[in-house]
Amino acid sequence: MLRWALFFLLIGLVAGVLGFGGIAGASFAIAKLLFFVFMLVFLVLLIAGLTVARRVSGG
C-alpha cells in the first residue's frame, strides 16, 4: 500500500511539473489517502502484535 502511495505521489509530481493541475491534485489526494490508510493499518497491527506478544510471554 505504501508503494501505491509513492506511485501516486510520483504521478502527481510529474503531472504538476508538466502543468496538468487536475491530474496532479487528484494524484496527491489519492497518495495522501493511501498513506494515511497505510499508517492506520500499521498502527493497528503494531498494537495487536504487542498485545499478542504480551499474552504469549505471560507478562
PDB file of N, CA and C in Angstrom:
ATOM      1  N   MET A   1       0.822  -1.184   0.000  1.00  0.00           N
ATOM      2  CA  MET A   1       0.000   0.000   0.000  1.00  0.00           C
ATOM      3  C   MET A   1       0.872   1.255   0.000  1.00  0.00           C
ATOM      4  N   LEU A   2       1.959   1.192   0.736  1.00  0.00           N
ATOM      5  CA  LEU A   2       2.861   2.343   0.748  1.00  0.00           C
ATOM      6  C   LEU A   2       3.477   2.548  -0.634  1.00  0.00           C
ATOM      7  N   ARG A   3       3.710   1.472  -1.334  1.00  0.00           N
ATOM      8  CA  ARG A   3       4.253   1.575  -2.691  1.00  0.00           C
ATOM      9  C   ARG A   3       3.271   2.291  -3.619  1.00  0.00           C
ATOM     10  N   TRP A   4       1.970   2.003  -3.458  1.00  0.00           N
ATOM     11  CA  TRP A   4       0.962   2.681  -4.274  1.00  0.00           C
ATOM     12  C   TRP A   4       0.900   4.166  -3.936  1.00  0.00           C
ATOM     13  N   ALA A   5       1.030   4.488  -2.649  1.00  0.00           N
ATOM     14  CA  ALA A   5       1.026   5.893  -2.252  1.00  0.00           C
ATOM     15  C   ALA A   5       2.199   6.635  -2.884  1.00  0.00           C
ATOM     16  N   LEU A   6       3.366   6.021  -2.872  1.00  0.00           N
ATOM     17  CA  LEU A   6       4.534   6.647  -3.500  1.00  0.00           C
ATOM     18  C   LEU A   6       4.365   6.759  -5.012  1.00  0.00           C
ATOM     19  N   PHE A   7       3.726   5.763  -5.605  1.00  0.00           N
ATOM     20  CA  PHE A   7       3.469   5.785  -7.044  1.00  0.00           C
ATOM     21  C   PHE A   7       2.571   6.971  -7.413  1.00  0.00           C
ATOM     22  N   PHE A   8       1.476   7.164  -6.674  1.00  0.00           N
ATOM     23  CA  PHE A   8       0.578   8.273  -6.968  1.00  0.00           C
ATOM     24  C   PHE A   8       1.227   9.607  -6.651  1.00  0.00           C
ATOM     25  N   LEU A   9       2.093   9.644  -5.641  1.00  0.00           N
ATOM     26  CA  LEU A   9       2.830  10.872  -5.348  1.00  0.00           C
ATOM     27  C   LEU A   9       3.742  11.228  -6.521  1.00  0.00           C
ATOM     28  N   LEU A  10       4.421  10.248  -7.072  1.00  0.00           N
ATOM     29  CA  LEU A  10       5.295  10.471  -8.215  1.00  0.00           C
ATOM     30  C   LEU A  10       4.502  10.942  -9.432  1.00  0.00           C
ATOM     31  N   ILE A  11       3.346  10.318  -9.665  1.00  0.00           N
ATOM     32  CA  ILE A  11       2.495  10.747 -10.781  1.00  0.00           C
ATOM     33  C   ILE A  11       2.036  12.190 -10.574  1.00  0.00           C
ATOM     34  N   GLY A  12       1.679  12.536  -9.342  1.00  0.00           N
ATOM     35  CA  GLY A  12       1.255  13.896  -9.040  1.00  0.00           C
ATOM     36  C   GLY A  12       2.368  14.900  -9.257  1.00  0.00           C
ATOM     37  N   LEU A  13       3.588  14.554  -8.858  1.00  0.00           N
ATOM     38  CA  LEU A  13       4.718  15.461  -9.063  1.00  0.00           C
ATOM     39  C   LEU A  13       4.999  15.680 -10.549  1.00  0.00           C
ATOM     40  N   VAL A  14       5.003  14.600 -11.308  1.00  0.00           N
ATOM     41  CA  VAL A  14       5.262  14.710 -12.752  1.00  0.00           C
ATOM     42  C   VAL A  14       4.148  15.503 -13.425  1.00  0.00           C
ATOM     43  N   ALA A  15       2.908  15.226 -13.068  1.00  0.00           N
ATOM     44  CA  ALA A  15       1.793  15.951 -13.672  1.00  0.00           C
ATOM     45  C   ALA A  15       1.833  17.428 -13.290  1.00  0.00           C
ATOM     46  N   GLY A  16       2.234  17.718 -12.057  1.00  0.00           N
ATOM     47  CA  GLY A  16       2.341  19.116 -11.633  1.00  0.00           C
ATOM     48  C   GLY A  16       3.417  19.859 -12.383  1.00  0.00           C
ATOM     49  N   VAL A  17       4.546  19.208 -12.618  1.00  0.00           N
ATOM     50  CA  VAL A  17       5.637  19.838 -13.364  1.00  0.00           C
ATOM     51  C   VAL A  17       5.223  20.085 -14.813  1.00  0.00           C
ATOM     52  N   LEU A  18       4.460  19.162 -15.375  1.00  0.00           N
ATOM     53  CA  LEU A  18       4.033  19.300 -16.764  1.00  0.00           C
ATOM     54  C   LEU A  18       2.818  20.207 -16.931  1.00  0.00           C
ATOM     55  N   GLY A  19       2.214  20.653 -15.817  1.00  0.00           N
ATOM     56  CA  GLY A  19       1.125  21.607 -15.903  1.00  0.00           C
ATOM     57  C   GLY A  19      -0.263  21.011 -15.908  1.00  0.00           C
ATOM     58  N   PHE A  20      -0.393  19.755 -15.580  1.00  0.00           N
ATOM     59  CA  PHE A  20      -1.712  19.131 -15.514  1.00  0.00           C
ATOM     60  C   PHE A  20      -2.222  19.233 -14.078  1.00  0.00           C
ATOM     61  N   GLY A  21      -2.852  20.348 -13.758  1.00  0.00           N
ATOM     62  CA  GLY A  21      -3.249  20.632 -12.380  1.00  0.00           C
ATOM     63  C   GLY A  21      -4.286  19.677 -11.823  1.00  0.00           C
ATOM     64  N   GLY A  22      -5.276  19.326 -12.630  1.00  0.00           N
ATOM     65  CA  GLY A  22      -6.339  18.432 -12.155  1.00  0.00           C
ATOM     66  C   GLY A  22      -5.833  17.044 -11.838  1.00  0.00           C
ATOM     67  N   ILE A  23      -5.017  16.512 -12.727  1.00  0.00           N
ATOM     68  CA  ILE A  23      -4.452  15.184 -12.514  1.00  0.00           C
ATOM     69  C   ILE A  23      -3.496  15.205 -11.327  1.00  0.00           C
ATOM     70  N   ALA A  24      -2.714  16.262 -11.203  1.00  0.00           N
ATOM     71  CA  ALA A  24      -1.768  16.376 -10.101  1.00  0.00           C
ATOM     72  C   ALA A  24      -2.510  16.448  -8.764  1.00  0.00           C
ATOM     73  N   GLY A  25      -3.557  17.225  -8.692  1.00  0.00           N
ATOM     74  CA  GLY A  25      -4.324  17.336  -7.454  1.00  0.00           C
ATOM     75  C   GLY A  25      -4.973  16.026  -7.063  1.00  0.00           C
ATOM     76  N   ALA A  26      -5.533  15.335  -8.043  1.00  0.00           N
ATOM     77  CA  ALA A  26      -6.170  14.047  -7.762  1.00  0.00           C
ATOM     78  C   ALA A  26      -5.141  13.017  -7.313  1.00  0.00           C
ATOM     79  N   SER A  27      -3.982  13.007  -7.953  1.00  0.00           N
ATOM     80  CA  SER A  27      -2.938  12.056  -7.582  1.00  0.00           C
ATOM     81  C   SER A  27      -2.415  12.326  -6.180  1.00  0.00           C
ATOM     82  N   PHE A  28      -2.249  13.596  -5.831  1.00  0.00           N
ATOM     83  CA  PHE A  28      -1.801  13.934  -4.481  1.00  0.00           C
ATOM     84  C   PHE A  28      -2.854  13.521  -3.447  1.00  0.00           C
ATOM     85  N   ALA A  29      -4.117  13.714  -3.775  1.00  0.00           N
ATOM     86  CA  ALA A  29      -5.185  13.330  -2.848  1.00  0.00           C
ATOM     87  C   ALA A  29      -5.209  11.818  -2.632  1.00  0.00           C
ATOM     88  N   ILE A  30      -5.058  11.066  -3.707  1.00  0.00           N
ATOM     89  CA  ILE A  30      -5.030   9.605  -3.599  1.00  0.00           C
ATOM     90  C   ILE A  30      -3.806   9.162  -2.812  1.00  0.00           C
ATOM     91  N   ALA A  31      -2.656   9.773  -3.085  1.00  0.00           N
ATOM     92  CA  ALA A  31      -1.432   9.415  -2.368  1.00  0.00           C
ATOM     93  C   ALA A  31      -1.571   9.698  -0.877  1.00  0.00           C
ATOM     94  N   LYS A  32      -2.162  10.844  -0.532  1.00  0.00           N
ATOM     95  CA  LYS A  32      -2.339  11.188   0.877  1.00  0.00           C
ATOM     96  C   LYS A  32      -3.294  10.213   1.555  1.00  0.00           C
ATOM     97  N   LEU A  33      -4.387   9.878   0.889  1.00  0.00           N
ATOM     98  CA  LEU A  33      -5.343   8.936   1.442  1.00  0.00           C
ATOM     99  C   LEU A  33      -4.697   7.571   1.672  1.00  0.00           C
ATOM    100  N   LEU A  34      -3.981   7.075   0.677  1.00  0.00           N
ATOM    101  CA  LEU A  34      -3.334   5.772   0.814  1.00  0.00           C
ATOM    102  C   LEU A  34      -2.283   5.780   1.916  1.00  0.00           C
ATOM    103  N   PHE A  35      -1.563   6.874   2.060  1.00  0.00           N
ATOM    104  CA  PHE A  35      -0.551   6.960   3.110  1.00  0.00           C
ATOM    105  C   PHE A  35      -1.195   6.882   4.485  1.00  0.00           C
ATOM    106  N   PHE A  36      -2.293   7.630   4.686  1.00  0.00           N
ATOM    107  CA  PHE A  36      -2.932   7.608   5.995  1.00  0.00           C
ATOM    108  C   PHE A  36      -3.597   6.262   6.288  1.00  0.00           C
ATOM    109  N   VAL A  37      -4.144   5.612   5.280  1.00  0.00           N
ATOM    110  CA  VAL A  37      -4.694   4.266   5.465  1.00  0.00           C
ATOM    111  C   VAL A  37      -3.568   3.302   5.828  1.00  0.00           C
ATOM    112  N   PHE A  38      -2.421   3.422   5.163  1.00  0.00           N
ATOM    113  CA  PHE A  38      -1.272   2.586   5.484  1.00  0.00           C
ATOM    114  C   PHE A  38      -0.841   2.796   6.929  1.00  0.00           C
ATOM    115  N   MET A  39      -0.755   4.052   7.369  1.00  0.00           N
ATOM    116  CA  MET A  39      -0.336   4.336   8.740  1.00  0.00           C
ATOM    117  C   MET A  39      -1.340   3.782   9.745  1.00  0.00           C
ATOM    118  N   LEU A  40      -2.629   3.885   9.455  1.00  0.00           N
ATOM    119  CA  LEU A  40      -3.646   3.360  10.346  1.00  0.00           C
ATOM    120  C   LEU A  40      -3.531   1.841  10.471  1.00  0.00           C
ATOM    121  N   VAL A  41      -3.395   1.151   9.348  1.00  0.00           N
ATOM    122  CA  VAL A  41      -3.247  -0.306   9.369  1.00  0.00           C
ATOM    123  C   VAL A  41      -1.969  -0.694  10.102  1.00  0.00           C
ATOM    124  N   PHE A  42      -0.892   0.037   9.867  1.00  0.00           N
ATOM    125  CA  PHE A  42       0.371  -0.240  10.546  1.00  0.00           C
ATOM    126  C   PHE A  42       0.222  -0.126  12.059  1.00  0.00           C
ATOM    127  N   LEU A  43      -0.405   0.959  12.525  1.00  0.00           N
ATOM    128  CA  LEU A  43      -0.565   1.154  13.962  1.00  0.00           C
ATOM    129  C   LEU A  43      -1.471   0.099  14.587  1.00  0.00           C
ATOM    130  N   VAL A  44      -2.545  -0.272  13.917  1.00  0.00           N
ATOM    131  CA  VAL A  44      -3.435  -1.308  14.432  1.00  0.00           C
ATOM    132  C   VAL A  44      -2.693  -2.637  14.544  1.00  0.00           C
ATOM    133  N   LEU A  45      -1.949  -2.999  13.530  1.00  0.00           N
ATOM    134  CA  LEU A  45      -1.203  -4.258  13.571  1.00  0.00           C
ATOM    135  C   LEU A  45      -0.080  -4.210  14.596  1.00  0.00           C
ATOM    136  N   LEU A  46       0.553  -3.063  14.778  1.00  0.00           N
ATOM    137  CA  LEU A  46       1.602  -2.920  15.782  1.00  0.00           C
ATOM    138  C   LEU A  46       1.034  -3.110  17.183  1.00  0.00           C
ATOM    139  N   ILE A  47      -0.086  -2.469  17.470  1.00  0.00           N
ATOM    140  CA  ILE A  47      -0.709  -2.608  18.782  1.00  0.00           C
ATOM    141  C   ILE A  47      -1.193  -4.038  18.993  1.00  0.00           C
ATOM    142  N   ALA A  48      -1.779  -4.638  17.971  1.00  0.00           N
ATOM    143  CA  ALA A  48      -2.231  -6.025  18.084  1.00  0.00           C
ATOM    144  C   ALA A  48      -1.048  -6.964  18.307  1.00  0.00           C
ATOM    145  N   GLY A  49       0.039  -6.735  17.608  1.00  0.00           N
ATOM    146  CA  GLY A  49       1.225  -7.575  17.779  1.00  0.00           C
ATOM    147  C   GLY A  49       1.817  -7.454  19.169  1.00  0.00           C
ATOM    148  N   LEU A  50       1.863  -6.249  19.711  1.00  0.00           N
ATOM    149  CA  LEU A  50       2.384  -6.064  21.063  1.00  0.00           C
ATOM    150  C   LEU A  50       1.468  -6.715  22.098  1.00  0.00           C
ATOM    151  N   THR A  51       0.165  -6.645  21.871  1.00  0.00           N
ATOM    152  CA  THR A  51      -0.784  -7.261  22.792  1.00  0.00           C
ATOM    153  C   THR A  51      -0.658  -8.780  22.768  1.00  0.00           C
ATOM    154  N   VAL A  52      -0.549  -9.362  21.602  1.00  0.00           N
ATOM    155  CA  VAL A  52      -0.410 -10.807  21.482  1.00  0.00           C
ATOM    156  C   VAL A  52       0.920 -11.261  22.076  1.00  0.00           C
ATOM    157  N   ALA A  53       1.981 -10.514  21.838  1.00  0.00           N
ATOM    158  CA  ALA A  53       3.294 -10.878  22.380  1.00  0.00           C
ATOM    159  C   ALA A  53       3.260 -10.844  23.901  1.00  0.00           C
ATOM    160  N   ARG A  54       2.544  -9.900  24.472  1.00  0.00           N
ATOM    161  CA  ARG A  54       2.453  -9.809  25.928  1.00  0.00           C
ATOM    162  C   ARG A  54       1.669 -10.996  26.489  1.00  0.00           C
ATOM    163  N   ARG A  55       0.619 -11.433  25.777  1.00  0.00           N
ATOM    164  CA  ARG A  55      -0.145 -12.592  26.236  1.00  0.00           C
ATOM    165  C   ARG A  55       0.643 -13.880  26.123  1.00  0.00           C
ATOM    166  N   VAL A  56       1.405 -14.025  25.035  1.00  0.00           N
ATOM    167  CA  VAL A  56       2.167 -15.256  24.811  1.00  0.00           C
ATOM    168  C   VAL A  56       3.297 -15.382  25.821  1.00  0.00           C
ATOM    169  N   SER A  57       3.959 -14.276  26.123  1.00  0.00           N
ATOM    170  CA  SER A  57       5.095 -14.328  27.042  1.00  0.00           C
ATOM    171  C   SER A  57       4.637 -14.375  28.502  1.00  0.00           C
ATOM    172  N   GLY A  58       3.359 -14.144  28.748  1.00  0.00           N
ATOM    173  CA  GLY A  58       2.841 -14.217  30.110  1.00  0.00           C
ATOM    174  C   GLY A  58       3.046 -12.970  30.926  1.00  0.00           C
ATOM    175  N   GLY A  59       3.440 -11.870  30.271  1.00  0.00           N
ATOM    176  CA  GLY A  59       3.712 -10.632  31.010  1.00  0.00           C
ATOM    177  C   GLY A  59       2.505  -9.840  31.149  1.00  0.00           C
TER     178      GLY A  59
END
